[in-house]
Protein backbone atom coordinates (compact mmCIF):
# COMPACT_ATOMS: atom_id res chain seq x y z
CA MET A 1 2.95 -11.22 7.43
CA ILE A 2 5.60 -9.02 8.97
CA GLY A 3 5.76 -9.37 12.74
CA ALA A 4 3.31 -11.05 15.04
CA THR A 5 -0.14 -9.70 15.75
CA PRO A 6 -0.22 -8.24 19.26
CA GLN A 7 -2.42 -10.20 21.63
CA PHE A 8 -4.69 -8.66 24.23
CA PRO A 9 -3.09 -9.19 27.64
CA ALA A 10 -4.71 -10.77 30.68
CA ILE A 11 -7.02 -8.37 32.51
CA ASP A 12 -4.58 -8.07 35.43
CA ASP A 13 -1.77 -7.08 33.07
CA TRP A 14 -4.09 -4.68 31.25
CA GLN A 15 -5.04 -2.94 34.48
CA LYS A 16 -1.36 -2.55 35.44
CA MET A 17 -0.59 -0.78 32.14
CA SER A 18 -0.66 3.00 31.91
CA GLU A 19 -3.30 4.61 29.73
CA ALA A 20 -0.62 5.50 27.17
CA GLU A 21 0.54 1.86 27.04
CA GLN A 22 -3.06 0.69 26.63
CA ASP A 23 -3.64 3.18 23.82
CA ALA A 24 -0.40 2.13 22.10
CA LEU A 25 -1.34 -1.56 22.31
CA LEU A 26 -4.83 -0.91 20.92
CA ALA A 27 -3.32 1.17 18.09
CA ARG A 28 -0.89 -1.66 17.20
CA MET A 29 -3.71 -4.21 17.25
CA GLU A 30 -5.89 -2.02 15.01
CA SER A 31 -2.99 -1.43 12.63
CA ALA A 32 -2.35 -5.18 12.38
CA ARG A 33 -6.06 -5.80 11.74
CA ARG A 34 -6.09 -3.20 8.93
CA ARG A 35 -2.94 -4.68 7.36
CA GLY A 36 -4.55 -8.13 7.38
CA ALA A 37 -7.73 -6.80 5.77
CA LEU A 38 -5.71 -4.97 3.13
CA LEU A 39 -3.68 -8.09 2.37
CA ASN A 40 -6.87 -10.15 2.02
CA ARG A 41 -8.34 -7.60 -0.43
CA LEU A 42 -5.10 -7.54 -2.41
CA LEU A 43 -4.96 -11.33 -2.66
CA THR A 44 -8.63 -11.45 -3.70
CA ALA A 45 -8.02 -8.83 -6.40
CA LEU A 46 -5.02 -10.77 -7.70
CA ALA A 47 -7.00 -14.01 -7.79
CA CYS A 48 -9.88 -12.35 -9.64
CA THR A 49 -7.47 -10.76 -12.12
CA ALA A 50 -5.78 -14.10 -12.75
CA ALA A 51 -9.14 -15.83 -13.19
CA GLY A 52 -10.32 -13.12 -15.61
CA ALA A 53 -7.10 -13.38 -17.61
CA GLY A 54 -7.53 -17.16 -17.76
CA VAL A 55 -11.07 -16.79 -19.10
CA VAL A 56 -9.94 -14.29 -21.73
CA LEU A 57 -7.10 -16.57 -22.81
CA ALA A 58 -9.44 -19.56 -23.02
CA ILE A 59 -11.88 -17.59 -25.17
CA LEU A 60 -9.09 -16.36 -27.44
CA LYS A 61 -7.73 -19.90 -27.75
CA MET A 62 -11.14 -21.21 -28.87
CA TRP A 63 -11.64 -18.36 -31.29
């Protein structure tokens, strides 16, 4: 995956951040979470498509 997933800082560091910095960090973390979920769905769809194509080819080969 591109870039590292932002980690939640220690509570002391969090409290020292401005509200804008906190919001930006939370937005980056949410964006990274959504990208990961999208990638998982894409890989699952590709695996299912490949499995379906394999089944169709096996059936055609037997026929």
